[in-house]
Amino acid sequence: MTYSFMRAASLELSYSDEKHPIVEMISQQGSNHYLSRNNLDKSRYFRVVAGLPIPIINNRDIGINWFVTTYFAFHRQFDKGIVNNNHINMVFNAYYLMHSQNLNLPKSWNILAQVTYYSPLYMGVYKTTKPQWWIDLTVSKRVAHWKFALSGRDLLNSNIAEGQVVGLPTEMRFKKNWHKPSVTLSISLFIGNDKLKRTRKMSTSESAKRIVSTADESISFDKK
């Protein structure tokens, strides 16, 4: 279920009940331990995602738009089953937070900065014990039908996962950099109907204006 307010702020509720999901577990054969895939009886989760964009500057006359957006997610999962004659009955929570600053400047320049935070969570046989966070930055420029973008991921090299491997008789800890810092240059060419592009641009501008002027609320249900 998704709820939107002013076609900008959003609230999403998700529920999943999966039978016999495949999971990675540590199995033992003699004195050796190895990674195997097994079926649990069931896995259920409930998730809430909320997003709120706030216009700081929205001036079309001078061509400057500055939006600040914060997304928050809460995830609660229930796993149950029998693996290697061991009863698995695990419940865990996870949190997610992303804050972005999106600045549109004259002459088709755009700056997007994002800070992402993850709480400790389970990832297969890995259990992180410390939160993870990182900063991304993208600077882009539109020239006619071309778009040039320079993106940097995890600029401070802060996305370090620390935790332990679940399922071993002795504790085994790990420390891993899942996503090393990187810089990417991308060039895009947009080909299409110019009239359609202008209509879409007008619709986007009107949506930005609507955030600070009128309310338009809606609820939608997705059946899978």
C-alpha atoms as a PDB file:
ATOM      1  CA  MET A   1       0.000   0.000   0.000  1.00  0.00           C
ATOM      2  CA  THR A   2       1.316   3.435  -0.941  1.00  0.00           C
ATOM      3  CA  TYR A   3       0.018   6.773   0.320  1.00  0.00           C
ATOM      4  CA  SER A   4       1.116  10.057  -1.256  1.00  0.00           C
ATOM      5  CA  PHE A   5       0.513  13.646  -0.172  1.00  0.00           C
ATOM      6  CA  MET A   6       0.870  16.584  -2.580  1.00  0.00           C
ATOM      7  CA  ARG A   7       2.372  14.073  -5.062  1.00  0.00           C
ATOM      8  CA  ALA A   8       5.620  14.419  -3.143  1.00  0.00           C
ATOM      9  CA  ALA A   9       5.569  13.126   0.428  1.00  0.00           C
ATOM     10  CA  SER A  10       4.981   9.378   0.525  1.00  0.00           C
ATOM     11  CA  LEU A  11       4.287   6.525   2.907  1.00  0.00           C
ATOM     12  CA  GLU A  12       4.665   2.903   1.792  1.00  0.00           C
ATOM     13  CA  LEU A  13       3.583  -0.205   3.719  1.00  0.00           C
ATOM     14  CA  SER A  14       4.737  -3.660   2.591  1.00  0.00           C
ATOM     15  CA  TYR A  15       4.037  -7.161   3.859  1.00  0.00           C
ATOM     16  CA  SER A  16       5.493 -10.406   2.516  1.00  0.00           C
ATOM     17  CA  ASP A  17       4.890 -14.021   3.545  1.00  0.00           C
ATOM     18  CA  GLU A  18       7.152 -16.402   1.591  1.00  0.00           C
ATOM     19  CA  LYS A  19       6.991 -20.185   1.870  1.00  0.00           C
ATOM     20  CA  HIS A  20      10.192 -22.271   1.694  1.00  0.00           C
ATOM     21  CA  PRO A  21      12.632 -19.449   0.890  1.00  0.00           C
ATOM     22  CA  ILE A  22      16.224 -20.349   0.003  1.00  0.00           C
ATOM     23  CA  VAL A  23      18.826 -19.061   2.478  1.00  0.00           C
ATOM     24  CA  GLU A  24      22.578 -19.453   2.917  1.00  0.00           C
ATOM     25  CA  MET A  25      23.654 -21.251   6.079  1.00  0.00           C
ATOM     26  CA  ILE A  26      26.803 -22.779   7.564  1.00  0.00           C
ATOM     27  CA  SER A  27      26.643 -26.597   7.410  1.00  0.00           C
ATOM     28  CA  GLN A  28      28.947 -29.153   9.052  1.00  0.00           C
ATOM     29  CA  GLN A  29      30.304 -32.402   7.631  1.00  0.00           C
ATOM     30  CA  GLY A  30      32.619 -34.140  10.056  1.00  0.00           C
ATOM     31  CA  SER A  31      35.062 -31.532  11.315  1.00  0.00           C
ATOM     32  CA  ASN A  32      34.608 -29.357   8.226  1.00  0.00           C
ATOM     33  CA  HIS A  33      32.221 -26.452   7.840  1.00  0.00           C
ATOM     34  CA  TYR A  34      30.973 -25.234   4.487  1.00  0.00           C
ATOM     35  CA  LEU A  35      28.489 -22.771   3.038  1.00  0.00           C
ATOM     36  CA  SER A  36      25.239 -24.345   1.797  1.00  0.00           C
ATOM     37  CA  ARG A  37      21.824 -23.291   0.591  1.00  0.00           C
ATOM     38  CA  ASN A  38      18.766 -24.559   2.413  1.00  0.00           C
ATOM     39  CA  ASN A  39      15.021 -24.016   2.533  1.00  0.00           C
ATOM     40  CA  LEU A  40      13.374 -22.475   5.552  1.00  0.00           C
ATOM     41  CA  ASP A  41       9.730 -23.156   6.357  1.00  0.00           C
ATOM     42  CA  LYS A  42       8.755 -19.526   5.967  1.00  0.00           C
ATOM     43  CA  SER A  43      10.051 -15.972   5.954  1.00  0.00           C
ATOM     44  CA  ARG A  44       7.861 -12.975   6.672  1.00  0.00           C
ATOM     45  CA  TYR A  45       8.608  -9.297   6.847  1.00  0.00           C
ATOM     46  CA  PHE A  46       6.838  -6.009   7.438  1.00  0.00           C
ATOM     47  CA  ARG A  47       8.324  -2.798   6.043  1.00  0.00           C
ATOM     48  CA  VAL A  48       7.485   0.904   6.356  1.00  0.00           C
ATOM     49  CA  VAL A  49       9.075   3.506   4.075  1.00  0.00           C
ATOM     50  CA  ALA A  50       8.421   7.238   4.461  1.00  0.00           C
ATOM     51  CA  GLY A  51       9.760  10.080   2.331  1.00  0.00           C
ATOM     52  CA  LEU A  52       9.420  13.831   2.684  1.00  0.00           C
ATOM     53  CA  PRO A  53      10.857  16.413   0.239  1.00  0.00           C
ATOM     54  CA  ILE A  54      11.081  20.003   1.481  1.00  0.00           C
ATOM     55  CA  PRO A  55      11.572  22.891  -0.975  1.00  0.00           C
ATOM     56  CA  ILE A  56      14.205  25.299   0.351  1.00  0.00           C
ATOM     57  CA  ILE A  57      14.388  27.422  -2.817  1.00  0.00           C
ATOM     58  CA  ASN A  58      11.951  27.062  -5.706  1.00  0.00           C
ATOM     59  CA  ASN A  59      12.423  30.025  -8.043  1.00  0.00           C
ATOM     60  CA  ARG A  60      11.798  29.292 -11.724  1.00  0.00           C
ATOM     61  CA  ASP A  61      12.494  32.910 -12.726  1.00  0.00           C
ATOM     62  CA  ILE A  62      16.182  32.667 -11.847  1.00  0.00           C
ATOM     63  CA  GLY A  63      16.380  28.925 -12.567  1.00  0.00           C
ATOM     64  CA  ILE A  64      17.290  27.736  -9.072  1.00  0.00           C
ATOM     65  CA  ASN A  65      15.576  24.838  -7.286  1.00  0.00           C
ATOM     66  CA  TRP A  66      16.839  23.384  -4.030  1.00  0.00           C
ATOM     67  CA  PHE A  67      15.052  20.409  -2.493  1.00  0.00           C
ATOM     68  CA  VAL A  68      15.955  18.534   0.679  1.00  0.00           C
ATOM     69  CA  THR A  69      14.559  15.009   0.948  1.00  0.00           C
ATOM     70  CA  THR A  70      14.695  12.486   3.784  1.00  0.00           C
ATOM     71  CA  TYR A  71      13.695   8.821   3.432  1.00  0.00           C
ATOM     72  CA  PHE A  72      13.270   6.520   6.425  1.00  0.00           C
ATOM     73  CA  ALA A  73      12.573   2.779   6.386  1.00  0.00           C
ATOM     74  CA  PHE A  74      11.849   0.253   9.135  1.00  0.00           C
ATOM     75  CA  HIS A  75      12.045  -3.482   8.391  1.00  0.00           C
ATOM     76  CA  ARG A  76      11.009  -6.318  10.747  1.00  0.00           C
ATOM     77  CA  GLN A  77      11.625  -9.887   9.571  1.00  0.00           C
ATOM     78  CA  PHE A  78      10.622 -13.336  10.903  1.00  0.00           C
ATOM     79  CA  ASP A  79      12.492 -16.455   9.705  1.00  0.00           C
ATOM     80  CA  LYS A  80      11.470 -19.952  10.823  1.00  0.00           C
ATOM     81  CA  GLY A  81      12.528 -23.452   9.828  1.00  0.00           C
ATOM     82  CA  ILE A  82      14.893 -26.388  10.428  1.00  0.00           C
ATOM     83  CA  VAL A  83      18.425 -26.417   8.980  1.00  0.00           C
ATOM     84  CA  ASN A  84      20.938 -29.179   9.799  1.00  0.00           C
ATOM     85  CA  ASN A  85      18.569 -30.479  12.513  1.00  0.00           C
ATOM     86  CA  ASN A  86      18.703 -27.050  14.135  1.00  0.00           C
ATOM     87  CA  HIS A  87      15.537 -25.073  14.716  1.00  0.00           C
ATOM     88  CA  ILE A  88      15.773 -21.581  13.230  1.00  0.00           C
ATOM     89  CA  ASN A  89      13.415 -19.049  14.783  1.00  0.00           C
ATOM     90  CA  MET A  90      14.889 -15.626  14.249  1.00  0.00           C
ATOM     91  CA  VAL A  91      13.380 -12.141  14.466  1.00  0.00           C
ATOM     92  CA  PHE A  92      15.373  -9.045  13.614  1.00  0.00           C
ATOM     93  CA  ASN A  93      14.853  -5.361  12.850  1.00  0.00           C
ATOM     94  CA  ALA A  94      16.680  -3.104  10.416  1.00  0.00           C
ATOM     95  CA  TYR A  95      16.610   0.658   9.864  1.00  0.00           C
ATOM     96  CA  TYR A  96      17.483   2.723   6.818  1.00  0.00           C
ATOM     97  CA  LEU A  97      17.886   6.494   6.478  1.00  0.00           C
ATOM     98  CA  MET A  98      18.847   8.545   3.430  1.00  0.00           C
ATOM     99  CA  HIS A  99      19.129  12.328   3.322  1.00  0.00           C
ATOM    100  CA  SER A 100      19.655  14.093  -0.011  1.00  0.00           C
ATOM    101  CA  GLN A 101      20.278  17.666  -1.136  1.00  0.00           C
ATOM    102  CA  ASN A 102      19.265  18.312  -4.758  1.00  0.00           C
ATOM    103  CA  LEU A 103      20.279  21.695  -6.189  1.00  0.00           C
ATOM    104  CA  ASN A 104      19.301  22.752  -9.727  1.00  0.00           C
ATOM    105  CA  LEU A 105      21.309  25.748 -10.988  1.00  0.00           C
ATOM    106  CA  PRO A 106      21.061  27.979 -14.076  1.00  0.00           C
ATOM    107  CA  LYS A 107      22.494  26.730 -17.374  1.00  0.00           C
ATOM    108  CA  SER A 108      21.326  23.161 -16.605  1.00  0.00           C
ATOM    109  CA  TRP A 109      23.774  22.421 -13.787  1.00  0.00           C
ATOM    110  CA  ASN A 110      22.714  20.014 -11.040  1.00  0.00           C
ATOM    111  CA  ILE A 111      24.331  18.969  -7.759  1.00  0.00           C
ATOM    112  CA  LEU A 112      23.039  15.953  -5.831  1.00  0.00           C
ATOM    113  CA  ALA A 113      24.535  14.979  -2.452  1.00  0.00           C
ATOM    114  CA  GLN A 114      23.300  11.976  -0.443  1.00  0.00           C
ATOM    115  CA  VAL A 115      24.095  10.562   2.990  1.00  0.00           C
ATOM    116  CA  THR A 116      22.953   6.956   3.587  1.00  0.00           C
ATOM    117  CA  TYR A 117      22.769   5.123   6.926  1.00  0.00           C
ATOM    118  CA  TYR A 118      22.084   1.429   7.599  1.00  0.00           C
ATOM    119  CA  SER A 119      21.568  -0.101  11.019  1.00  0.00           C
ATOM    120  CA  PRO A 120      23.196  -3.467  11.866  1.00  0.00           C
ATOM    121  CA  LEU A 121      21.448  -6.288   9.998  1.00  0.00           C
ATOM    122  CA  TYR A 122      21.645  -9.883   8.773  1.00  0.00           C
ATOM    123  CA  MET A 123      22.957 -10.637   5.283  1.00  0.00           C
ATOM    124  CA  GLY A 124      22.776 -14.392   4.810  1.00  0.00           C
ATOM    125  CA  VAL A 125      25.354 -15.884   7.173  1.00  0.00           C
ATOM    126  CA  TYR A 126      26.770 -12.446   7.978  1.00  0.00           C
ATOM    127  CA  LYS A 127      25.595 -10.392  10.935  1.00  0.00           C
ATOM    128  CA  THR A 128      26.869  -6.836  11.137  1.00  0.00           C
ATOM    129  CA  THR A 129      27.351  -5.414  14.606  1.00  0.00           C
ATOM    130  CA  LYS A 130      27.983  -1.772  13.686  1.00  0.00           C
ATOM    131  CA  PRO A 131      25.959   0.622  11.511  1.00  0.00           C
ATOM    132  CA  GLN A 132      27.150   1.532   8.042  1.00  0.00           C
ATOM    133  CA  TRP A 133      27.051   4.945   6.382  1.00  0.00           C
ATOM    134  CA  TRP A 134      28.475   6.653   3.326  1.00  0.00           C
ATOM    135  CA  ILE A 135      28.302   9.853   1.238  1.00  0.00           C
ATOM    136  CA  ASP A 136      27.615  10.065  -2.505  1.00  0.00           C
ATOM    137  CA  LEU A 137      27.974  13.169  -4.689  1.00  0.00           C
ATOM    138  CA  THR A 138      26.977  13.777  -8.315  1.00  0.00           C
ATOM    139  CA  VAL A 139      27.589  16.897 -10.416  1.00  0.00           C
ATOM    140  CA  SER A 140      25.887  16.968 -13.822  1.00  0.00           C
ATOM    141  CA  LYS A 141      25.483  19.353 -16.757  1.00  0.00           C
ATOM    142  CA  ARG A 142      23.004  19.319 -19.649  1.00  0.00           C
ATOM    143  CA  VAL A 143      24.203  20.563 -23.051  1.00  0.00           C
ATOM    144  CA  ALA A 144      21.502  20.359 -25.728  1.00  0.00           C
ATOM    145  CA  HIS A 145      20.609  16.627 -25.940  1.00  0.00           C
ATOM    146  CA  TRP A 146      23.695  15.570 -23.977  1.00  0.00           C
ATOM    147  CA  LYS A 147      24.161  15.077 -20.253  1.00  0.00           C
ATOM    148  CA  PHE A 148      27.573  14.861 -18.572  1.00  0.00           C
ATOM    149  CA  ALA A 149      27.708  13.544 -14.986  1.00  0.00           C
ATOM    150  CA  LEU A 150      30.596  13.038 -12.577  1.00  0.00           C
ATOM    151  CA  SER A 151      29.645  10.808  -9.657  1.00  0.00           C
ATOM    152  CA  GLY A 152      31.572   9.871  -6.530  1.00  0.00           C
ATOM    153  CA  ARG A 153      30.487   6.972  -4.298  1.00  0.00           C
ATOM    154  CA  ASP A 154      31.483   6.603  -0.634  1.00  0.00           C
ATOM    155  CA  LEU A 155      33.745   9.650  -0.809  1.00  0.00           C
ATOM    156  CA  LEU A 156      35.029   9.279   2.768  1.00  0.00           C
ATOM    157  CA  ASN A 157      35.584   5.507   2.540  1.00  0.00           C
ATOM    158  CA  SER A 158      33.297   5.065   5.549  1.00  0.00           C
ATOM    159  CA  ASN A 159      31.170   2.118   4.361  1.00  0.00           C
ATOM    160  CA  ILE A 160      32.968  -0.525   6.423  1.00  0.00           C
ATOM    161  CA  ALA A 161      30.950  -3.555   7.559  1.00  0.00           C
ATOM    162  CA  GLU A 162      32.018  -5.177  10.831  1.00  0.00           C
ATOM    163  CA  GLY A 163      30.413  -8.237  12.378  1.00  0.00           C
ATOM    164  CA  GLN A 164      30.533 -11.994  12.663  1.00  0.00           C
ATOM    165  CA  VAL A 165      29.664 -15.147  10.727  1.00  0.00           C
ATOM    166  CA  VAL A 166      26.566 -16.908  12.104  1.00  0.00           C
ATOM    167  CA  GLY A 167      26.483 -20.695  12.473  1.00  0.00           C
ATOM    168  CA  LEU A 168      30.086 -21.582  13.367  1.00  0.00           C
ATOM    169  CA  PRO A 169      30.975 -23.355  16.636  1.00  0.00           C
ATOM    170  CA  THR A 170      33.686 -20.776  17.262  1.00  0.00           C
ATOM    171  CA  GLU A 171      33.268 -17.053  16.749  1.00  0.00           C
ATOM    172  CA  MET A 172      34.612 -15.738  13.462  1.00  0.00           C
ATOM    173  CA  ARG A 173      34.574 -11.978  12.983  1.00  0.00           C
ATOM    174  CA  PHE A 174      34.951 -10.059   9.738  1.00  0.00           C
ATOM    175  CA  LYS A 175      35.658  -6.503   8.622  1.00  0.00           C
ATOM    176  CA  LYS A 176      34.942  -5.739   4.995  1.00  0.00           C
ATOM    177  CA  ASN A 177      34.609  -2.743   2.708  1.00  0.00           C
ATOM    178  CA  TRP A 178      31.590  -3.716   0.612  1.00  0.00           C
ATOM    179  CA  HIS A 179      31.723  -0.721  -1.732  1.00  0.00           C
ATOM    180  CA  LYS A 180      35.098   0.935  -2.150  1.00  0.00           C
ATOM    181  CA  PRO A 181      35.206   4.637  -3.089  1.00  0.00           C
ATOM    182  CA  SER A 182      34.790   5.191  -6.799  1.00  0.00           C
ATOM    183  CA  VAL A 183      34.448   8.049  -9.280  1.00  0.00           C
ATOM    184  CA  THR A 184      32.425   7.589 -12.469  1.00  0.00           C
ATOM    185  CA  LEU A 185      32.090   9.825 -15.526  1.00  0.00           C
ATOM    186  CA  SER A 186      28.975   9.174 -17.607  1.00  0.00           C
ATOM    187  CA  ILE A 187      27.807  10.719 -20.872  1.00  0.00           C
ATOM    188  CA  SER A 188      24.173  10.357 -21.964  1.00  0.00           C
ATOM    189  CA  LEU A 189      22.410  11.264 -25.205  1.00  0.00           C
ATOM    190  CA  PHE A 190      18.659  11.938 -25.124  1.00  0.00           C
ATOM    191  CA  ILE A 191      16.774  11.270 -28.342  1.00  0.00           C
ATOM    192  CA  GLY A 192      13.035  11.784 -28.594  1.00  0.00           C
ATOM    193  CA  ASN A 193      10.151  14.118 -29.255  1.00  0.00           C
ATOM    194  CA  ASP A 194      11.068  17.678 -28.235  1.00  0.00           C
ATOM    195  CA  LYS A 195       7.411  18.559 -27.759  1.00  0.00           C
ATOM    196  CA  LEU A 196       6.979  15.652 -25.367  1.00  0.00           C
ATOM    197  CA  LYS A 197      10.077  16.733 -23.459  1.00  0.00           C
ATOM    198  CA  ARG A 198       8.727  20.263 -23.060  1.00  0.00           C
ATOM    199  CA  THR A 199       5.389  18.918 -21.837  1.00  0.00           C
ATOM    200  CA  ARG A 200       7.140  16.650 -19.342  1.00  0.00           C
ATOM    201  CA  LYS A 201       9.313  19.531 -18.131  1.00  0.00           C
ATOM    202  CA  MET A 202       6.221  21.697 -17.648  1.00  0.00           C
ATOM    203  CA  SER A 203       4.528  18.898 -15.697  1.00  0.00           C
ATOM    204  CA  THR A 204       7.599  18.540 -13.462  1.00  0.00           C
ATOM    205  CA  SER A 205       7.670  22.277 -12.795  1.00  0.00           C
ATOM    206  CA  GLU A 206       3.987  22.288 -11.955  1.00  0.00           C
ATOM    207  CA  SER A 207       4.527  19.372  -9.549  1.00  0.00           C
ATOM    208  CA  ALA A 208       7.300  21.292  -7.802  1.00  0.00           C
ATOM    209  CA  LYS A 209       5.010  24.307  -7.536  1.00  0.00           C
ATOM    210  CA  ARG A 210       2.190  22.137  -6.193  1.00  0.00           C
ATOM    211  CA  ILE A 211       4.341  21.077  -3.238  1.00  0.00           C
ATOM    212  CA  VAL A 212       4.155  24.554  -1.759  1.00  0.00           C
ATOM    213  CA  SER A 213       0.695  25.559  -2.980  1.00  0.00           C
ATOM    214  CA  THR A 214      -2.044  22.905  -3.041  1.00  0.00           C
ATOM    215  CA  ALA A 215      -2.649  19.461  -1.654  1.00  0.00           C
ATOM    216  CA  ASP A 216      -3.370  16.359  -3.712  1.00  0.00           C
ATOM    217  CA  GLU A 217      -3.733  13.203  -1.672  1.00  0.00           C
ATOM    218  CA  SER A 218      -4.071   9.671  -3.012  1.00  0.00           C
ATOM    219  CA  ILE A 219      -3.878   6.061  -1.919  1.00  0.00           C
ATOM    220  CA  SER A 220      -2.914   3.167  -4.165  1.00  0.00           C
ATOM    221  CA  PHE A 221      -2.839  -0.586  -3.572  1.00  0.00           C
ATOM    222  CA  ASP A 222      -0.502  -2.968  -5.406  1.00  0.00           C
ATOM    223  CA  LYS A 223      -1.540  -6.611  -5.580  1.00  0.00           C
ATOM    224  CA  LYS A 224       1.237  -9.072  -6.414  1.00  0.00           C
END
